[in-house]
Amino acid sequence: LQNSTESAKEYLARALPILTENLKRLRSGDPQSGLATIGESTDGLTWILDYLGNAALALPASEATLAADITENAKNLTQAVHLMVDAMKSQDYALLGDVTEFELLESLSRTQVLIDRILNKTH
């Protein structure tokens, strides 16, 4: 759990600024440049979702509250990814920007907090 949590923390430290920059591109009227990297981020987001599921299962029973928080965040993140895919398919760039800003980035920020909580429990 320790190694994958460190990897997830490093991934998010790199991914959040890139996603934030892509959001700016989407909002500035240049959706194509923002779309490229958002589309490429799906592999990393899938890995984060897998990590969250595994992390929730790997925690001891004494950390049930943390595991429940992780599971809830994973559900929110999954929903955001599905909404993003739908927005990209329909070329609804306003919706894609909204989902990125208000769903995806918020869920990933919560993931960072949860990762810190996991690291505090596993040290």
PDB file of N, CA and C in Angstrom:
ATOM      1  N   LEU A   1       0.831  -1.204   0.000  1.00  0.00           N
ATOM      2  CA  LEU A   1       0.000   0.000   0.000  1.00  0.00           C
ATOM      3  C   LEU A   1       0.871   1.262   0.000  1.00  0.00           C
ATOM      4  N   GLN A   2       1.964   1.192   0.749  1.00  0.00           N
ATOM      5  CA  GLN A   2       2.852   2.350   0.870  1.00  0.00           C
ATOM      6  C   GLN A   2       3.395   2.792  -0.490  1.00  0.00           C
ATOM      7  N   ASN A   3       3.909   1.850  -1.279  1.00  0.00           N
ATOM      8  CA  ASN A   3       4.513   2.198  -2.575  1.00  0.00           C
ATOM      9  C   ASN A   3       3.475   2.738  -3.552  1.00  0.00           C
ATOM     10  N   SER A   4       2.332   2.086  -3.641  1.00  0.00           N
ATOM     11  CA  SER A   4       1.310   2.560  -4.582  1.00  0.00           C
ATOM     12  C   SER A   4       0.760   3.912  -4.146  1.00  0.00           C
ATOM     13  N   THR A   5       0.688   4.146  -2.848  1.00  0.00           N
ATOM     14  CA  THR A   5       0.205   5.439  -2.356  1.00  0.00           C
ATOM     15  C   THR A   5       1.193   6.541  -2.699  1.00  0.00           C
ATOM     16  N   GLU A   6       2.471   6.264  -2.560  1.00  0.00           N
ATOM     17  CA  GLU A   6       3.490   7.242  -2.949  1.00  0.00           C
ATOM     18  C   GLU A   6       3.411   7.526  -4.453  1.00  0.00           C
ATOM     19  N   SER A   7       3.205   6.484  -5.250  1.00  0.00           N
ATOM     20  CA  SER A   7       3.081   6.662  -6.700  1.00  0.00           C
ATOM     21  C   SER A   7       1.853   7.492  -7.051  1.00  0.00           C
ATOM     22  N   ALA A   8       0.748   7.241  -6.376  1.00  0.00           N
ATOM     23  CA  ALA A   8      -0.474   8.007  -6.619  1.00  0.00           C
ATOM     24  C   ALA A   8      -0.270   9.474  -6.255  1.00  0.00           C
ATOM     25  N   LYS A   9       0.425   9.706  -5.164  1.00  0.00           N
ATOM     26  CA  LYS A   9       0.704  11.086  -4.746  1.00  0.00           C
ATOM     27  C   LYS A   9       1.549  11.802  -5.804  1.00  0.00           C
ATOM     28  N   GLU A  10       2.567  11.123  -6.311  1.00  0.00           N
ATOM     29  CA  GLU A  10       3.421  11.713  -7.345  1.00  0.00           C
ATOM     30  C   GLU A  10       2.638  11.965  -8.630  1.00  0.00           C
ATOM     31  N   TYR A  11       1.791  11.013  -9.012  1.00  0.00           N
ATOM     32  CA  TYR A  11       0.990  11.185 -10.227  1.00  0.00           C
ATOM     33  C   TYR A  11       0.099  12.416 -10.111  1.00  0.00           C
ATOM     34  N   LEU A  12      -0.589  12.546  -8.994  1.00  0.00           N
ATOM     35  CA  LEU A  12      -1.506  13.680  -8.820  1.00  0.00           C
ATOM     36  C   LEU A  12      -0.761  15.004  -8.791  1.00  0.00           C
ATOM     37  N   ALA A  13       0.430  15.011  -8.219  1.00  0.00           N
ATOM     38  CA  ALA A  13       1.225  16.243  -8.189  1.00  0.00           C
ATOM     39  C   ALA A  13       1.559  16.708  -9.606  1.00  0.00           C
ATOM     40  N   ARG A  14       1.731  15.756 -10.523  1.00  0.00           N
ATOM     41  CA  ARG A  14       2.005  16.115 -11.921  1.00  0.00           C
ATOM     42  C   ARG A  14       0.723  16.368 -12.704  1.00  0.00           C
ATOM     43  N   ALA A  15      -0.311  15.584 -12.445  1.00  0.00           N
ATOM     44  CA  ALA A  15      -1.531  15.631 -13.262  1.00  0.00           C
ATOM     45  C   ALA A  15      -2.395  16.857 -12.986  1.00  0.00           C
ATOM     46  N   LEU A  16      -2.522  17.260 -11.741  1.00  0.00           N
ATOM     47  CA  LEU A  16      -3.427  18.373 -11.424  1.00  0.00           C
ATOM     48  C   LEU A  16      -3.053  19.670 -12.145  1.00  0.00           C
ATOM     49  N   PRO A  17      -1.787  20.075 -12.171  1.00  0.00           N
ATOM     50  CA  PRO A  17      -1.455  21.301 -12.919  1.00  0.00           C
ATOM     51  C   PRO A  17      -1.747  21.165 -14.418  1.00  0.00           C
ATOM     52  N   ILE A  18      -1.527  19.991 -14.989  1.00  0.00           N
ATOM     53  CA  ILE A  18      -1.799  19.779 -16.410  1.00  0.00           C
ATOM     54  C   ILE A  18      -3.298  19.876 -16.680  1.00  0.00           C
ATOM     55  N   LEU A  19      -4.096  19.235 -15.840  1.00  0.00           N
ATOM     56  CA  LEU A  19      -5.549  19.298 -16.015  1.00  0.00           C
ATOM     57  C   LEU A  19      -6.070  20.718 -15.815  1.00  0.00           C
ATOM     58  N   THR A  20      -5.478  21.437 -14.885  1.00  0.00           N
ATOM     59  CA  THR A  20      -5.877  22.826 -14.660  1.00  0.00           C
ATOM     60  C   THR A  20      -5.544  23.686 -15.883  1.00  0.00           C
ATOM     61  N   GLU A  21      -4.385  23.458 -16.469  1.00  0.00           N
ATOM     62  CA  GLU A  21      -4.005  24.189 -17.681  1.00  0.00           C
ATOM     63  C   GLU A  21      -4.946  23.843 -18.835  1.00  0.00           C
ATOM     64  N   ASN A  22      -5.311  22.577 -18.947  1.00  0.00           N
ATOM     65  CA  ASN A  22      -6.255  22.177 -19.996  1.00  0.00           C
ATOM     66  C   ASN A  22      -7.613  22.817 -19.794  1.00  0.00           C
ATOM     67  N   LEU A  23      -8.018  22.954 -18.564  1.00  0.00           N
ATOM     68  CA  LEU A  23      -9.284  23.634 -18.276  1.00  0.00           C
ATOM     69  C   LEU A  23      -9.221  25.073 -18.781  1.00  0.00           C
ATOM     70  N   LYS A  24      -8.102  25.750 -18.560  1.00  0.00           N
ATOM     71  CA  LYS A  24      -7.943  27.119 -19.058  1.00  0.00           C
ATOM     72  C   LYS A  24      -8.058  27.162 -20.576  1.00  0.00           C
ATOM     73  N   ARG A  25      -7.462  26.174 -21.247  1.00  0.00           N
ATOM     74  CA  ARG A  25      -7.548  26.122 -22.709  1.00  0.00           C
ATOM     75  C   ARG A  25      -8.985  25.894 -23.167  1.00  0.00           C
ATOM     76  N   LEU A  26      -9.689  24.999 -22.489  1.00  0.00           N
ATOM     77  CA  LEU A  26     -11.094  24.760 -22.832  1.00  0.00           C
ATOM     78  C   LEU A  26     -11.913  26.026 -22.667  1.00  0.00           C
ATOM     79  N   ARG A  27     -11.687  26.734 -21.591  1.00  0.00           N
ATOM     80  CA  ARG A  27     -12.449  27.941 -21.289  1.00  0.00           C
ATOM     81  C   ARG A  27     -12.058  29.115 -22.182  1.00  0.00           C
ATOM     82  N   SER A  28     -10.845  29.081 -22.762  1.00  0.00           N
ATOM     83  CA  SER A  28     -10.372  30.218 -23.558  1.00  0.00           C
ATOM     84  C   SER A  28     -10.803  30.135 -25.017  1.00  0.00           C
ATOM     85  N   GLY A  29     -11.549  29.109 -25.368  1.00  0.00           N
ATOM     86  CA  GLY A  29     -12.004  28.986 -26.748  1.00  0.00           C
ATOM     87  C   GLY A  29     -11.082  28.171 -27.630  1.00  0.00           C
ATOM     88  N   ASP A  30     -10.146  27.453 -27.029  1.00  0.00           N
ATOM     89  CA  ASP A  30      -9.246  26.578 -27.781  1.00  0.00           C
ATOM     90  C   ASP A  30      -9.434  25.148 -27.291  1.00  0.00           C
ATOM     91  N   PRO A  31     -10.628  24.598 -27.506  1.00  0.00           N
ATOM     92  CA  PRO A  31     -10.923  23.291 -26.915  1.00  0.00           C
ATOM     93  C   PRO A  31     -10.057  22.161 -27.454  1.00  0.00           C
ATOM     94  N   GLN A  32      -9.633  22.238 -28.701  1.00  0.00           N
ATOM     95  CA  GLN A  32      -8.876  21.126 -29.275  1.00  0.00           C
ATOM     96  C   GLN A  32      -7.561  20.885 -28.536  1.00  0.00           C
ATOM     97  N   SER A  33      -6.861  21.949 -28.168  1.00  0.00           N
ATOM     98  CA  SER A  33      -5.595  21.756 -27.454  1.00  0.00           C
ATOM     99  C   SER A  33      -5.845  21.205 -26.053  1.00  0.00           C
ATOM    100  N   GLY A  34      -6.936  21.601 -25.439  1.00  0.00           N
ATOM    101  CA  GLY A  34      -7.279  21.062 -24.124  1.00  0.00           C
ATOM    102  C   GLY A  34      -7.755  19.629 -24.184  1.00  0.00           C
ATOM    103  N   LEU A  35      -8.443  19.290 -25.263  1.00  0.00           N
ATOM    104  CA  LEU A  35      -8.979  17.935 -25.413  1.00  0.00           C
ATOM    105  C   LEU A  35      -7.889  16.887 -25.511  1.00  0.00           C
ATOM    106  N   ALA A  36      -6.814  17.212 -26.196  1.00  0.00           N
ATOM    107  CA  ALA A  36      -5.765  16.226 -26.416  1.00  0.00           C
ATOM    108  C   ALA A  36      -5.247  15.662 -25.102  1.00  0.00           C
ATOM    109  N   THR A  37      -4.882  16.531 -24.186  1.00  0.00           N
ATOM    110  CA  THR A  37      -4.303  16.055 -22.939  1.00  0.00           C
ATOM    111  C   THR A  37      -5.357  15.477 -22.009  1.00  0.00           C
ATOM    112  N   ILE A  38      -6.564  16.012 -22.029  1.00  0.00           N
ATOM    113  CA  ILE A  38      -7.625  15.438 -21.195  1.00  0.00           C
ATOM    114  C   ILE A  38      -7.895  14.006 -21.644  1.00  0.00           C
ATOM    115  N   GLY A  39      -7.934  13.788 -22.949  1.00  0.00           N
ATOM    116  CA  GLY A  39      -8.121  12.434 -23.451  1.00  0.00           C
ATOM    117  C   GLY A  39      -6.990  11.505 -23.036  1.00  0.00           C
ATOM    118  N   GLU A  40      -5.766  12.013 -23.072  1.00  0.00           N
ATOM    119  CA  GLU A  40      -4.604  11.218 -22.669  1.00  0.00           C
ATOM    120  C   GLU A  40      -4.616  10.908 -21.173  1.00  0.00           C
ATOM    121  N   SER A  41      -5.291  11.709 -20.387  1.00  0.00           N
ATOM    122  CA  SER A  41      -5.289  11.516 -18.934  1.00  0.00           C
ATOM    123  C   SER A  41      -6.162  10.348 -18.491  1.00  0.00           C
ATOM    124  N   THR A  42      -6.936   9.777 -19.402  1.00  0.00           N
ATOM    125  CA  THR A  42      -7.850   8.713 -18.988  1.00  0.00           C
ATOM    126  C   THR A  42      -7.122   7.491 -18.449  1.00  0.00           C
ATOM    127  N   ASP A  43      -5.951   7.154 -18.986  1.00  0.00           N
ATOM    128  CA  ASP A  43      -5.200   6.011 -18.455  1.00  0.00           C
ATOM    129  C   ASP A  43      -4.788   6.265 -17.009  1.00  0.00           C
ATOM    130  N   GLY A  44      -4.294   7.458 -16.741  1.00  0.00           N
ATOM    131  CA  GLY A  44      -3.897   7.802 -15.377  1.00  0.00           C
ATOM    132  C   GLY A  44      -5.084   7.832 -14.432  1.00  0.00           C
ATOM    133  N   LEU A  45      -6.214   8.339 -14.907  1.00  0.00           N
ATOM    134  CA  LEU A  45      -7.411   8.375 -14.063  1.00  0.00           C
ATOM    135  C   LEU A  45      -7.911   6.963 -13.766  1.00  0.00           C
ATOM    136  N   THR A  46      -7.807   6.086 -14.753  1.00  0.00           N
ATOM    137  CA  THR A  46      -8.190   4.692 -14.532  1.00  0.00           C
ATOM    138  C   THR A  46      -7.284   4.058 -13.483  1.00  0.00           C
ATOM    139  N   TRP A  47      -5.997   4.352 -13.565  1.00  0.00           N
ATOM    140  CA  TRP A  47      -5.066   3.821 -12.577  1.00  0.00           C
ATOM    141  C   TRP A  47      -5.395   4.357 -11.177  1.00  0.00           C
ATOM    142  N   ILE A  48      -5.703   5.652 -11.078  1.00  0.00           N
ATOM    143  CA  ILE A  48      -6.069   6.230  -9.779  1.00  0.00           C
ATOM    144  C   ILE A  48      -7.315   5.541  -9.231  1.00  0.00           C
ATOM    145  N   LEU A  49      -8.303   5.289 -10.083  1.00  0.00           N
ATOM    146  CA  LEU A  49      -9.516   4.597  -9.628  1.00  0.00           C
ATOM    147  C   LEU A  49      -9.190   3.189  -9.139  1.00  0.00           C
ATOM    148  N   ASP A  50      -8.335   2.480  -9.857  1.00  0.00           N
ATOM    149  CA  ASP A  50      -7.914   1.149  -9.411  1.00  0.00           C
ATOM    150  C   ASP A  50      -7.189   1.239  -8.070  1.00  0.00           C
ATOM    151  N   TYR A  51      -6.292   2.212  -7.968  1.00  0.00           N
ATOM    152  CA  TYR A  51      -5.563   2.418  -6.716  1.00  0.00           C
ATOM    153  C   TYR A  51      -6.531   2.652  -5.552  1.00  0.00           C
ATOM    154  N   LEU A  52      -7.508   3.531  -5.752  1.00  0.00           N
ATOM    155  CA  LEU A  52      -8.446   3.843  -4.671  1.00  0.00           C
ATOM    156  C   LEU A  52      -9.207   2.594  -4.222  1.00  0.00           C
ATOM    157  N   GLY A  53      -9.668   1.802  -5.187  1.00  0.00           N
ATOM    158  CA  GLY A  53     -10.368   0.570  -4.832  1.00  0.00           C
ATOM    159  C   GLY A  53      -9.490  -0.376  -4.037  1.00  0.00           C
ATOM    160  N   ASN A  54      -8.243  -0.534  -4.481  1.00  0.00           N
ATOM    161  CA  ASN A  54      -7.313  -1.414  -3.773  1.00  0.00           C
ATOM    162  C   ASN A  54      -6.930  -0.857  -2.408  1.00  0.00           C
ATOM    163  N   ALA A  55      -6.758   0.447  -2.326  1.00  0.00           N
ATOM    164  CA  ALA A  55      -6.391   1.059  -1.044  1.00  0.00           C
ATOM    165  C   ALA A  55      -7.494   0.868  -0.011  1.00  0.00           C
ATOM    166  N   ALA A  56      -8.731   1.055  -0.433  1.00  0.00           N
ATOM    167  CA  ALA A  56      -9.848   0.875   0.500  1.00  0.00           C
ATOM    168  C   ALA A  56      -9.890  -0.553   1.034  1.00  0.00           C
ATOM    169  N   LEU A  57      -9.596  -1.515   0.172  1.00  0.00           N
ATOM    170  CA  LEU A  57      -9.604  -2.922   0.588  1.00  0.00           C
ATOM    171  C   LEU A  57      -8.402  -3.285   1.452  1.00  0.00           C
ATOM    172  N   ALA A  58      -7.275  -2.617   1.241  1.00  0.00           N
ATOM    173  CA  ALA A  58      -6.044  -2.961   1.946  1.00  0.00           C
ATOM    174  C   ALA A  58      -5.977  -2.389   3.363  1.00  0.00           C
ATOM    175  N   LEU A  59      -6.819  -1.424   3.648  1.00  0.00           N
ATOM    176  CA  LEU A  59      -6.782  -0.820   4.982  1.00  0.00           C
ATOM    177  C   LEU A  59      -7.333  -1.789   6.024  1.00  0.00           C
ATOM    178  N   PRO A  60      -6.783  -1.750   7.232  1.00  0.00           N
ATOM    179  CA  PRO A  60      -7.314  -2.625   8.284  1.00  0.00           C
ATOM    180  C   PRO A  60      -8.729  -2.205   8.698  1.00  0.00           C
ATOM    181  N   ALA A  61      -9.434  -3.104   9.322  1.00  0.00           N
ATOM    182  CA  ALA A  61     -10.815  -2.838   9.755  1.00  0.00           C
ATOM    183  C   ALA A  61     -10.901  -1.628  10.670  1.00  0.00           C
ATOM    184  N   SER A  62      -9.841  -1.344  11.388  1.00  0.00           N
ATOM    185  CA  SER A  62      -9.841  -0.188  12.289  1.00  0.00           C
ATOM    186  C   SER A  62      -9.893   1.136  11.528  1.00  0.00           C
ATOM    187  N   GLU A  63      -9.658   1.090  10.222  1.00  0.00           N
ATOM    188  CA  GLU A  63      -9.696   2.290   9.388  1.00  0.00           C
ATOM    189  C   GLU A  63     -10.934   2.295   8.482  1.00  0.00           C
ATOM    190  N   ALA A  64     -12.046   1.805   8.992  1.00  0.00           N
ATOM    191  CA  ALA A  64     -13.278   1.690   8.200  1.00  0.00           C
ATOM    192  C   ALA A  64     -13.771   3.051   7.712  1.00  0.00           C
ATOM    193  N   THR A  65     -13.619   4.084   8.521  1.00  0.00           N
ATOM    194  CA  THR A  65     -14.072   5.415   8.120  1.00  0.00           C
ATOM    195  C   THR A  65     -13.254   5.919   6.941  1.00  0.00           C
ATOM    196  N   LEU A  66     -11.944   5.750   7.007  1.00  0.00           N
ATOM    197  CA  LEU A  66     -11.080   6.153   5.897  1.00  0.00           C
ATOM    198  C   LEU A  66     -11.412   5.344   4.644  1.00  0.00           C
ATOM    199  N   ALA A  67     -11.620   4.050   4.794  1.00  0.00           N
ATOM    200  CA  ALA A  67     -11.972   3.203   3.650  1.00  0.00           C
ATOM    201  C   ALA A  67     -13.295   3.656   3.026  1.00  0.00           C
ATOM    202  N   ALA A  68     -14.261   4.019   3.850  1.00  0.00           N
ATOM    203  CA  ALA A  68     -15.554   4.503   3.337  1.00  0.00           C
ATOM    204  C   ALA A  68     -15.378   5.831   2.605  1.00  0.00           C
ATOM    205  N   ASP A  69     -14.534   6.708   3.137  1.00  0.00           N
ATOM    206  CA  ASP A  69     -14.260   7.990   2.470  1.00  0.00           C
ATOM    207  C   ASP A  69     -13.596   7.765   1.110  1.00  0.00           C
ATOM    208  N   ILE A  70     -12.679   6.812   1.060  1.00  0.00           N
ATOM    209  CA  ILE A  70     -12.004   6.487  -0.194  1.00  0.00           C
ATOM    210  C   ILE A  70     -13.004   5.945  -1.207  1.00  0.00           C
ATOM    211  N   THR A  71     -13.866   5.046  -0.765  1.00  0.00           N
ATOM    212  CA  THR A  71     -14.866   4.452  -1.653  1.00  0.00           C
ATOM    213  C   THR A  71     -15.821   5.510  -2.188  1.00  0.00           C
ATOM    214  N   GLU A  72     -16.253   6.419  -1.341  1.00  0.00           N
ATOM    215  CA  GLU A  72     -17.150   7.493  -1.777  1.00  0.00           C
ATOM    216  C   GLU A  72     -16.461   8.400  -2.790  1.00  0.00           C
ATOM    217  N   ASN A  73     -15.205   8.724  -2.540  1.00  0.00           N
ATOM    218  CA  ASN A  73     -14.467   9.570  -3.478  1.00  0.00           C
ATOM    219  C   ASN A  73     -14.273   8.852  -4.809  1.00  0.00           C
ATOM    220  N   ALA A  74     -14.021   7.568  -4.776  1.00  0.00           N
ATOM    221  CA  ALA A  74     -13.866   6.796  -6.013  1.00  0.00           C
ATOM    222  C   ALA A  74     -15.155   6.821  -6.825  1.00  0.00           C
ATOM    223  N   LYS A  75     -16.301   6.734  -6.154  1.00  0.00           N
ATOM    224  CA  LYS A  75     -17.587   6.818  -6.851  1.00  0.00           C
ATOM    225  C   LYS A  75     -17.743   8.180  -7.523  1.00  0.00           C
ATOM    226  N   ASN A  76     -17.394   9.233  -6.818  1.00  0.00           N
ATOM    227  CA  ASN A  76     -17.490  10.585  -7.379  1.00  0.00           C
ATOM    228  C   ASN A  76     -16.545  10.761  -8.567  1.00  0.00           C
ATOM    229  N   LEU A  77     -15.351  10.240  -8.436  1.00  0.00           N
ATOM    230  CA  LEU A  77     -14.372  10.339  -9.512  1.00  0.00           C
ATOM    231  C   LEU A  77     -14.821   9.539 -10.738  1.00  0.00           C
ATOM    232  N   THR A  78     -15.378   8.359 -10.507  1.00  0.00           N
ATOM    233  CA  THR A  78     -15.898   7.540 -11.604  1.00  0.00           C
ATOM    234  C   THR A  78     -17.010   8.283 -12.343  1.00  0.00           C
ATOM    235  N   GLN A  79     -17.901   8.893 -11.595  1.00  0.00           N
ATOM    236  CA  GLN A  79     -18.989   9.656 -12.204  1.00  0.00           C
ATOM    237  C   GLN A  79     -18.425  10.809 -13.035  1.00  0.00           C
ATOM    238  N   ALA A  80     -17.428  11.499 -12.520  1.00  0.00           N
ATOM    239  CA  ALA A  80     -16.825  12.610 -13.257  1.00  0.00           C
ATOM    240  C   ALA A  80     -16.202  12.125 -14.562  1.00  0.00           C
ATOM    241  N   VAL A  81     -15.511  10.998 -14.516  1.00  0.00           N
ATOM    242  CA  VAL A  81     -14.885  10.464 -15.731  1.00  0.00           C
ATOM    243  C   VAL A  81     -15.953  10.101 -16.762  1.00  0.00           C
ATOM    244  N   HIS A  82     -17.034   9.475 -16.328  1.00  0.00           N
ATOM    245  CA  HIS A  82     -18.123   9.136 -17.259  1.00  0.00           C
ATOM    246  C   HIS A  82     -18.737  10.392 -17.878  1.00  0.00           C
ATOM    247  N   LEU A  83     -18.933  11.419 -17.068  1.00  0.00           N
ATOM    248  CA  LEU A  83     -19.474  12.677 -17.592  1.00  0.00           C
ATOM    249  C   LEU A  83     -18.519  13.321 -18.591  1.00  0.00           C
ATOM    250  N   MET A  84     -17.227  13.238 -18.310  1.00  0.00           N
ATOM    251  CA  MET A  84     -16.237  13.788 -19.237  1.00  0.00           C
ATOM    252  C   MET A  84     -16.279  13.056 -20.574  1.00  0.00           C
ATOM    253  N   VAL A  85     -16.351  11.739 -20.519  1.00  0.00           N
ATOM    254  CA  VAL A  85     -16.397  10.949 -21.751  1.00  0.00           C
ATOM    255  C   VAL A  85     -17.639  11.316 -22.564  1.00  0.00           C
ATOM    256  N   ASP A  86     -18.777  11.420 -21.880  1.00  0.00           N
ATOM    257  CA  ASP A  86     -20.011  11.804 -22.576  1.00  0.00           C
ATOM    258  C   ASP A  86     -19.887  13.185 -23.205  1.00  0.00           C
ATOM    259  N   ALA A  87     -19.288  14.120 -22.467  1.00  0.00           N
ATOM    260  CA  ALA A  87     -19.120  15.484 -22.991  1.00  0.00           C
ATOM    261  C   ALA A  87     -18.188  15.497 -24.198  1.00  0.00           C
ATOM    262  N   MET A  88     -17.129  14.686 -24.151  1.00  0.00           N
ATOM    263  CA  MET A  88     -16.211  14.629 -25.296  1.00  0.00           C
ATOM    264  C   MET A  88     -16.902  14.011 -26.507  1.00  0.00           C
ATOM    265  N   LYS A  89     -17.670  12.954 -26.287  1.00  0.00           N
ATOM    266  CA  LYS A  89     -18.379  12.310 -27.400  1.00  0.00           C
ATOM    267  C   LYS A  89     -19.360  13.260 -28.073  1.00  0.00           C
ATOM    268  N   SER A  90     -20.038  14.068 -27.268  1.00  0.00           N
ATOM    269  CA  SER A  90     -21.026  14.996 -27.826  1.00  0.00           C
ATOM    270  C   SER A  90     -20.417  16.344 -28.200  1.00  0.00           C
ATOM    271  N   GLN A  91     -19.111  16.473 -28.017  1.00  0.00           N
ATOM    272  CA  GLN A  91     -18.386  17.712 -28.293  1.00  0.00           C
ATOM    273  C   GLN A  91     -18.990  18.907 -27.558  1.00  0.00           C
ATOM    274  N   ASP A  92     -19.442  18.655 -26.347  1.00  0.00           N
ATOM    275  CA  ASP A  92     -19.998  19.704 -25.492  1.00  0.00           C
ATOM    276  C   ASP A  92     -18.865  20.223 -24.608  1.00  0.00           C
ATOM    277  N   TYR A  93     -18.136  21.195 -25.135  1.00  0.00           N
ATOM    278  CA  TYR A  93     -16.944  21.683 -24.459  1.00  0.00           C
ATOM    279  C   TYR A  93     -17.265  22.488 -23.204  1.00  0.00           C
ATOM    280  N   ALA A  94     -18.421  23.125 -23.177  1.00  0.00           N
ATOM    281  CA  ALA A  94     -18.825  23.839 -21.964  1.00  0.00           C
ATOM    282  C   ALA A  94     -19.054  22.838 -20.832  1.00  0.00           C
ATOM    283  N   LEU A  95     -19.741  21.746 -21.146  1.00  0.00           N
ATOM    284  CA  LEU A  95     -19.969  20.701 -20.134  1.00  0.00           C
ATOM    285  C   LEU A  95     -18.648  20.069 -19.724  1.00  0.00           C
ATOM    286  N   LEU A  96     -17.778  19.817 -20.677  1.00  0.00           N
ATOM    287  CA  LEU A  96     -16.478  19.232 -20.363  1.00  0.00           C
ATOM    288  C   LEU A  96     -15.697  20.132 -19.414  1.00  0.00           C
ATOM    289  N   GLY A  97     -15.728  21.430 -19.667  1.00  0.00           N
ATOM    290  CA  GLY A  97     -15.054  22.369 -18.770  1.00  0.00           C
ATOM    291  C   GLY A  97     -15.674  22.361 -17.380  1.00  0.00           C
ATOM    292  N   ASP A  98     -16.999  22.336 -17.329  1.00  0.00           N
ATOM    293  CA  ASP A  98     -17.681  22.313 -16.024  1.00  0.00           C
ATOM    294  C   ASP A  98     -17.362  21.043 -15.253  1.00  0.00           C
ATOM    295  N   VAL A  99     -17.418  19.916 -15.931  1.00  0.00           N
ATOM    296  CA  VAL A  99     -17.131  18.638 -15.261  1.00  0.00           C
ATOM    297  C   VAL A  99     -15.676  18.609 -14.792  1.00  0.00           C
ATOM    298  N   THR A 100     -14.768  19.079 -15.634  1.00  0.00           N
ATOM    299  CA  THR A 100     -13.364  19.115 -15.249  1.00  0.00           C
ATOM    300  C   THR A 100     -13.164  19.989 -14.016  1.00  0.00           C
ATOM    301  N   GLU A 101     -13.765  21.173 -14.041  1.00  0.00           N
ATOM    302  CA  GLU A 101     -13.560  22.121 -12.937  1.00  0.00           C
ATOM    303  C   GLU A 101     -14.264  21.701 -11.658  1.00  0.00           C
ATOM    304  N   PHE A 102     -15.539  21.353 -11.762  1.00  0.00           N
ATOM    305  CA  PHE A 102     -16.354  21.171 -10.560  1.00  0.00           C
ATOM    306  C   PHE A 102     -16.469  19.732 -10.087  1.00  0.00           C
ATOM    307  N   GLU A 103     -16.126  18.787 -10.926  1.00  0.00           N
ATOM    308  CA  GLU A 103     -16.214  17.379 -10.533  1.00  0.00           C
ATOM    309  C   GLU A 103     -14.819  16.741 -10.464  1.00  0.00           C
ATOM    310  N   LEU A 104     -14.129  16.749 -11.592  1.00  0.00           N
ATOM    311  CA  LEU A 104     -12.858  16.034 -11.676  1.00  0.00           C
ATOM    312  C   LEU A 104     -11.796  16.640 -10.756  1.00  0.00           C
ATOM    313  N   LEU A 105     -11.538  17.935 -10.910  1.00  0.00           N
ATOM    314  CA  LEU A 105     -10.478  18.552 -10.106  1.00  0.00           C
ATOM    315  C   LEU A 105     -10.801  18.494  -8.618  1.00  0.00           C
ATOM    316  N   GLU A 106     -12.066  18.649  -8.261  1.00  0.00           N
ATOM    317  CA  GLU A 106     -12.444  18.549  -6.840  1.00  0.00           C
ATOM    318  C   GLU A 106     -12.243  17.129  -6.321  1.00  0.00           C
ATOM    319  N   SER A 107     -12.626  16.125  -7.119  1.00  0.00           N
ATOM    320  CA  SER A 107     -12.428  14.736  -6.693  1.00  0.00           C
ATOM    321  C   SER A 107     -10.941  14.401  -6.572  1.00  0.00           C
ATOM    322  N   LEU A 108     -10.143  14.899  -7.497  1.00  0.00           N
ATOM    323  CA  LEU A 108      -8.702  14.632  -7.425  1.00  0.00           C
ATOM    324  C   LEU A 108      -8.064  15.359  -6.244  1.00  0.00           C
ATOM    325  N   SER A 109      -8.554  16.544  -5.924  1.00  0.00           N
ATOM    326  CA  SER A 109      -8.053  17.250  -4.731  1.00  0.00           C
ATOM    327  C   SER A 109      -8.416  16.473  -3.463  1.00  0.00           C
ATOM    328  N   ARG A 110      -9.639  15.948  -3.421  1.00  0.00           N
ATOM    329  CA  ARG A 110     -10.025  15.102  -2.276  1.00  0.00           C
ATOM    330  C   ARG A 110      -9.166  13.844  -2.224  1.00  0.00           C
ATOM    331  N   THR A 111      -8.810  13.317  -3.398  1.00  0.00           N
ATOM    332  CA  THR A 111      -7.943  12.144  -3.443  1.00  0.00           C
ATOM    333  C   THR A 111      -6.589  12.455  -2.817  1.00  0.00           C
ATOM    334  N   GLN A 112      -6.064  13.643  -3.077  1.00  0.00           N
ATOM    335  CA  GLN A 112      -4.792  14.036  -2.455  1.00  0.00           C
ATOM    336  C   GLN A 112      -4.905  14.035  -0.930  1.00  0.00           C
ATOM    337  N   VAL A 113      -5.992  14.558  -0.415  1.00  0.00           N
ATOM    338  CA  VAL A 113      -6.200  14.582   1.038  1.00  0.00           C
ATOM    339  C   VAL A 113      -6.282  13.162   1.583  1.00  0.00           C
ATOM    340  N   LEU A 114      -7.006  12.307   0.877  1.00  0.00           N
ATOM    341  CA  LEU A 114      -7.130  10.911   1.308  1.00  0.00           C
ATOM    342  C   LEU A 114      -5.773  10.202   1.266  1.00  0.00           C
ATOM    343  N   ILE A 115      -4.980  10.482   0.262  1.00  0.00           N
ATOM    344  CA  ILE A 115      -3.644   9.892   0.164  1.00  0.00           C
ATOM    345  C   ILE A 115      -2.795  10.305   1.355  1.00  0.00           C
ATOM    346  N   ASP A 116      -2.871  11.565   1.723  1.00  0.00           N
ATOM    347  CA  ASP A 116      -2.126  12.020   2.901  1.00  0.00           C
ATOM    348  C   ASP A 116      -2.604  11.295   4.156  1.00  0.00           C
ATOM    349  N   ARG A 117      -3.907  11.089   4.261  1.00  0.00           N
ATOM    350  CA  ARG A 117      -4.434  10.338   5.412  1.00  0.00           C
ATOM    351  C   ARG A 117      -3.917   8.896   5.407  1.00  0.00           C
ATOM    352  N   ILE A 118      -3.877   8.282   4.233  1.00  0.00           N
ATOM    353  CA  ILE A 118      -3.357   6.912   4.135  1.00  0.00           C
ATOM    354  C   ILE A 118      -1.891   6.877   4.536  1.00  0.00           C
ATOM    355  N   LEU A 119      -1.120   7.822   4.025  1.00  0.00           N
ATOM    356  CA  LEU A 119       0.301   7.855   4.351  1.00  0.00           C
ATOM    357  C   LEU A 119       0.537   8.053   5.839  1.00  0.00           C
ATOM    358  N   ASN A 120      -0.300   8.858   6.468  1.00  0.00           N
ATOM    359  CA  ASN A 120      -0.173   9.061   7.907  1.00  0.00           C
ATOM    360  C   ASN A 120      -0.472   7.775   8.681  1.00  0.00           C
ATOM    361  N   LYS A 121      -1.338   6.924   8.145  1.00  0.00           N
ATOM    362  CA  LYS A 121      -1.700   5.670   8.814  1.00  0.00           C
ATOM    363  C   LYS A 121      -0.686   4.565   8.555  1.00  0.00           C
ATOM    364  N   THR A 122       0.041   4.638   7.438  1.00  0.00           N
ATOM    365  CA  THR A 122       0.948   3.549   7.066  1.00  0.00           C
ATOM    366  C   THR A 122       2.394   3.821   7.442  1.00  0.00           C
ATOM    367  N   HIS A 123       2.700   4.979   7.954  1.00  0.00           N
ATOM    368  CA  HIS A 123       4.085   5.270   8.378  1.00  0.00           C
ATOM    369  C   HIS A 123       4.337   4.743   9.765  1.00  0.00           C
TER     370      HIS A 123
END
